[in-house]
C-alpha atoms as a PDB file:
ATOM      1  CA  UNK A   1      51.486  87.394  -5.409  1.00  0.00           C
ATOM      2  CA  UNK A   2      48.541  88.083  -7.594  1.00  0.00           C
ATOM      3  CA  UNK A   3      46.868  91.439  -8.105  1.00  0.00           C
ATOM      4  CA  UNK A   4      43.389  92.304  -9.548  1.00  0.00           C
ATOM      5  CA  UNK A   5      43.704  95.264 -11.950  1.00  0.00           C
ATOM      6  CA  UNK A   6      41.141  97.865 -13.160  1.00  0.00           C
ATOM      7  CA  UNK A   7      40.327  95.787 -16.254  1.00  0.00           C
ATOM      8  CA  UNK A   8      39.021  92.910 -13.978  1.00  0.00           C
ATOM      9  CA  UNK A   9      41.902  90.489 -14.630  1.00  0.00           C
ATOM     10  CA  UNK A  10      44.499  88.932 -12.382  1.00  0.00           C
ATOM     11  CA  UNK A  11      48.205  89.430 -13.005  1.00  0.00           C
ATOM     12  CA  UNK A  12      51.149  87.772 -11.362  1.00  0.00           C
ATOM     13  CA  UNK A  13      53.770  89.918  -9.418  1.00  0.00           C
ATOM     14  CA  UNK A  14      56.771  88.083  -8.095  1.00  0.00           C
ATOM     15  CA  UNK A  15      57.745  88.420  -4.513  1.00  0.00           C
ATOM     16  CA  UNK A  16      61.150  89.513  -5.595  1.00  0.00           C
ATOM     17  CA  UNK A  17      59.556  92.355  -7.646  1.00  0.00           C
ATOM     18  CA  UNK A  18      57.930  94.030  -4.524  1.00  0.00           C
ATOM     19  CA  UNK A  19      60.065  96.908  -3.561  1.00  0.00           C
ATOM     20  CA  UNK A  20      58.016  97.727  -0.489  1.00  0.00           C
ATOM     21  CA  UNK A  21      54.437  97.311   0.940  1.00  0.00           C
ATOM     22  CA  UNK A  22      52.329  96.134   3.803  1.00  0.00           C
ATOM     23  CA  UNK A  23      49.019  95.682   5.459  1.00  0.00           C
ATOM     24  CA  UNK A  24      46.757  98.472   6.746  1.00  0.00           C
ATOM     25  CA  UNK A  25      44.227  97.157   9.153  1.00  0.00           C
ATOM     26  CA  UNK A  26      42.296 100.247   9.391  1.00  0.00           C
ATOM     27  CA  UNK A  27      41.615 100.371   5.515  1.00  0.00           C
ATOM     28  CA  UNK A  28      41.821  96.512   5.121  1.00  0.00           C
ATOM     29  CA  UNK A  29      44.152  96.823   2.179  1.00  0.00           C
ATOM     30  CA  UNK A  30      47.325  95.058   1.381  1.00  0.00           C
ATOM     31  CA  UNK A  31      49.405  97.472  -0.872  1.00  0.00           C
ATOM     32  CA  UNK A  32      52.733  97.314  -2.488  1.00  0.00           C
ATOM     33  CA  UNK A  33      54.922  99.042  -5.064  1.00  0.00           C
ATOM     34  CA  UNK A  34      57.266  97.239  -7.405  1.00  0.00           C
ATOM     35  CA  UNK A  35      60.726  98.196  -8.715  1.00  0.00           C
ATOM     36  CA  UNK A  36      59.128  99.231 -12.041  1.00  0.00           C
ATOM     37  CA  UNK A  37      57.274 102.030 -10.177  1.00  0.00           C
ATOM     38  CA  UNK A  38      53.729 100.544 -10.284  1.00  0.00           C
ATOM     39  CA  UNK A  39      51.574 100.759  -7.037  1.00  0.00           C
ATOM     40  CA  UNK A  40      48.883  98.276  -6.448  1.00  0.00           C
ATOM     41  CA  UNK A  41      46.638  97.103  -3.598  1.00  0.00           C
ATOM     42  CA  UNK A  42      43.974  94.543  -2.842  1.00  0.00           C
ATOM     43  CA  UNK A  43      41.079  94.832  -0.423  1.00  0.00           C
ATOM     44  CA  UNK A  44      41.063  91.961   2.155  1.00  0.00           C
ATOM     45  CA  UNK A  45      37.856  91.848   4.228  1.00  0.00           C
ATOM     46  CA  UNK A  46      39.061  88.675   5.917  1.00  0.00           C
ATOM     47  CA  UNK A  47      42.860  88.848   5.710  1.00  0.00           C
ATOM     48  CA  UNK A  48      43.659  85.827   7.689  1.00  0.00           C
ATOM     49  CA  UNK A  49      47.359  85.074   7.533  1.00  0.00           C
ATOM     50  CA  UNK A  50      47.900  86.953   4.263  1.00  0.00           C
ATOM     51  CA  UNK A  51      49.572  90.091   5.745  1.00  0.00           C
ATOM     52  CA  UNK A  52      52.025  87.758   7.585  1.00  0.00           C
ATOM     53  CA  UNK A  53      52.600  85.611   4.518  1.00  0.00           C
ATOM     54  CA  UNK A  54      53.192  88.789   2.390  1.00  0.00           C
ATOM     55  CA  UNK A  55      55.902  89.868   4.841  1.00  0.00           C
ATOM     56  CA  UNK A  56      57.454  86.457   4.937  1.00  0.00           C
ATOM     57  CA  UNK A  57      57.633  85.788   1.217  1.00  0.00           C
ATOM     58  CA  UNK A  58      59.016  89.271   0.380  1.00  0.00           C
ATOM     59  CA  UNK A  59      61.603  88.924   3.077  1.00  0.00           C
ATOM     60  CA  UNK A  60      62.491  85.382   1.827  1.00  0.00           C
ATOM     61  CA  UNK A  61      63.343  86.803  -1.582  1.00  0.00           C
ATOM     62  CA  UNK A  62      66.040  89.086  -0.186  1.00  0.00           C
ATOM     63  CA  UNK A  63      69.531  87.559  -0.497  1.00  0.00           C
ATOM     64  CA  UNK A  64      71.500  90.649   0.686  1.00  0.00           C
ATOM     65  CA  UNK A  65      70.493  94.128   1.774  1.00  0.00           C
ATOM     66  CA  UNK A  66      72.295  97.241   3.024  1.00  0.00           C
ATOM     67  CA  UNK A  67      71.133 100.731   4.029  1.00  0.00           C
ATOM     68  CA  UNK A  68      73.592 103.374   3.167  1.00  0.00           C
ATOM     69  CA  UNK A  69      73.109 106.748   4.957  1.00  0.00           C
ATOM     70  CA  UNK A  70      73.840 109.815   2.817  1.00  0.00           C
ATOM     71  CA  UNK A  71      72.283 112.863   4.406  1.00  0.00           C
ATOM     72  CA  UNK A  72      71.442 112.132   8.165  1.00  0.00           C
ATOM     73  CA  UNK A  73      68.891 109.451   8.274  1.00  0.00           C
ATOM     74  CA  UNK A  74      68.164 109.652   4.498  1.00  0.00           C
ATOM     75  CA  UNK A  75      69.950 107.217   2.109  1.00  0.00           C
ATOM     76  CA  UNK A  76      69.784 104.495  -0.272  1.00  0.00           C
ATOM     77  CA  UNK A  77      68.972 100.865   0.249  1.00  0.00           C
ATOM     78  CA  UNK A  78      70.853  98.355  -2.082  1.00  0.00           C
ATOM     79  CA  UNK A  79      69.677  94.825  -2.240  1.00  0.00           C
ATOM     80  CA  UNK A  80      70.039  91.569  -4.102  1.00  0.00           C
ATOM     81  CA  UNK A  81      66.741  89.614  -4.633  1.00  0.00           C
ATOM     82  CA  UNK A  82      65.916  86.142  -6.010  1.00  0.00           C
ATOM     83  CA  UNK A  83      62.824  84.667  -7.533  1.00  0.00           C
ATOM     84  CA  UNK A  84      61.409  82.154  -5.118  1.00  0.00           C
ATOM     85  CA  UNK A  85      59.737  80.159  -7.874  1.00  0.00           C
ATOM     86  CA  UNK A  86      62.987  79.308  -9.616  1.00  0.00           C
ATOM     87  CA  UNK A  87      65.197  76.342  -8.618  1.00  0.00           C
ATOM     88  CA  UNK A  88      68.474  78.270  -9.243  1.00  0.00           C
ATOM     89  CA  UNK A  89      67.504  81.791  -9.517  1.00  0.00           C
ATOM     90  CA  UNK A  90      69.813  84.566 -10.694  1.00  0.00           C
ATOM     91  CA  UNK A  91      70.235  87.526  -8.310  1.00  0.00           C
ATOM     92  CA  UNK A  92      68.735  90.826  -9.376  1.00  0.00           C
ATOM     93  CA  UNK A  93      70.238  93.948  -7.909  1.00  0.00           C
ATOM     94  CA  UNK A  94      68.347  97.102  -6.919  1.00  0.00           C
ATOM     95  CA  UNK A  95      69.047 100.434  -5.447  1.00  0.00           C
ATOM     96  CA  UNK A  96      66.116 102.108  -3.640  1.00  0.00           C
ATOM     97  CA  UNK A  97      66.254 105.867  -3.147  1.00  0.00           C
ATOM     98  CA  UNK A  98      65.057 107.274   0.304  1.00  0.00           C
ATOM     99  CA  UNK A  99      62.631 110.174   0.401  1.00  0.00           C
ATOM    100  CA  UNK A 100      64.219 113.634   0.094  1.00  0.00           C
ATOM    101  CA  UNK A 101      67.008 112.516  -2.154  1.00  0.00           C
ATOM    102  CA  UNK A 102      67.507 112.578  -5.923  1.00  0.00           C
ATOM    103  CA  UNK A 103      69.313 110.385  -8.380  1.00  0.00           C
ATOM    104  CA  UNK A 104      70.366 113.703 -10.019  1.00  0.00           C
ATOM    105  CA  UNK A 105      72.893 114.235  -7.419  1.00  0.00           C
ATOM    106  CA  UNK A 106      76.464 112.915  -8.124  1.00  0.00           C
ATOM    107  CA  UNK A 107      76.936 112.229  -4.361  1.00  0.00           C
ATOM    108  CA  UNK A 108      73.888 110.092  -4.113  1.00  0.00           C
ATOM    109  CA  UNK A 109      74.632 108.140  -7.372  1.00  0.00           C
ATOM    110  CA  UNK A 110      78.284 107.606  -6.450  1.00  0.00           C
ATOM    111  CA  UNK A 111      77.384 106.329  -2.864  1.00  0.00           C
ATOM    112  CA  UNK A 112      74.788 104.018  -4.227  1.00  0.00           C
ATOM    113  CA  UNK A 113      77.098 102.584  -6.910  1.00  0.00           C
ATOM    114  CA  UNK A 114      79.901 102.085  -4.371  1.00  0.00           C
ATOM    115  CA  UNK A 115      77.615 100.377  -1.871  1.00  0.00           C
ATOM    116  CA  UNK A 116      76.191  98.137  -4.514  1.00  0.00           C
ATOM    117  CA  UNK A 117      79.637  97.028  -5.767  1.00  0.00           C
ATOM    118  CA  UNK A 118      80.683  96.453  -2.125  1.00  0.00           C
ATOM    119  CA  UNK A 119      77.656  94.274  -1.405  1.00  0.00           C
ATOM    120  CA  UNK A 120      77.971  92.348  -4.609  1.00  0.00           C
ATOM    121  CA  UNK A 121      81.785  91.695  -3.727  1.00  0.00           C
ATOM    122  CA  UNK A 122      81.003  90.835  -0.130  1.00  0.00           C
ATOM    123  CA  UNK A 123      78.477  88.135  -1.046  1.00  0.00           C
ATOM    124  CA  UNK A 124      80.414  86.949  -3.984  1.00  0.00           C
ATOM    125  CA  UNK A 125      77.469  87.589  -6.245  1.00  0.00           C
ATOM    126  CA  UNK A 126      78.770  89.836  -9.017  1.00  0.00           C
END
């Protein structure tokens, strides 16, 4: 994925680096956020198959994923991702906090860490 920044230059964003995103047909914007916290978008006047390709490539980078409920429907998603451009990519592990929860809570941190360890062990990807 490439994005065009405010300095009029393109930069590469790997599919595996995209935490979440999607297409908004009303605004004609494809937007995403990355695990490092940046948020970006690109205007697509004629999107063609790009929104579909975006979903497909981001999904293809996911090796393992699990949602862990902590407070009702709120929780943490743990995932293992791979770089689609690499022949034998290493798995990078992430924990994505749901809205309304805080990493400052010992309960949240413990549940996320346990879930991550279980997922890594289940897939033999420690």
